[in-house]
Amino acid sequence: MLARNLRVGRDEIDIVALEPGSPPTLVVVEVRSRSRPGFGSAVETVDRRKVARLYRALAALPREGHPRLNRVALRGSAQRVDLLTLRQVRGAAWRVERHLRGLHPP
């Protein structure tokens, strides 16, 4: 993990991570949660506009840089946007419900 709650222009990225590999992959992760199922699933709250904003922020990271990120690590790496959904189990701990890798840009 490189950063959390990062502002990039008007956009916010919940998590920025670097997945090791050859080449490494720069991953922007949107985190969504629901404490009660009556409000719908967390996945349903991410629409095309949100995915577009995440890709816009991802594209701006190497250009704009940020004090918490190593700009060298950002250049030349593969890139992807993921969605991580959480749910609260019986009012106690939060658990990962789904991890959707590689949301497609709109």
Foldseek 3Di string as FASTA:
>chain_A
DQDAQDDQPPDTFGDWDWDVDVPIETETEAEFEDADCVVPFRVVVQDLVNLQRSVVSLVCCLVVPDPSDDSVSSPPHHYAYKYWYWYDDPPDDIDTDDIGTHDDHD
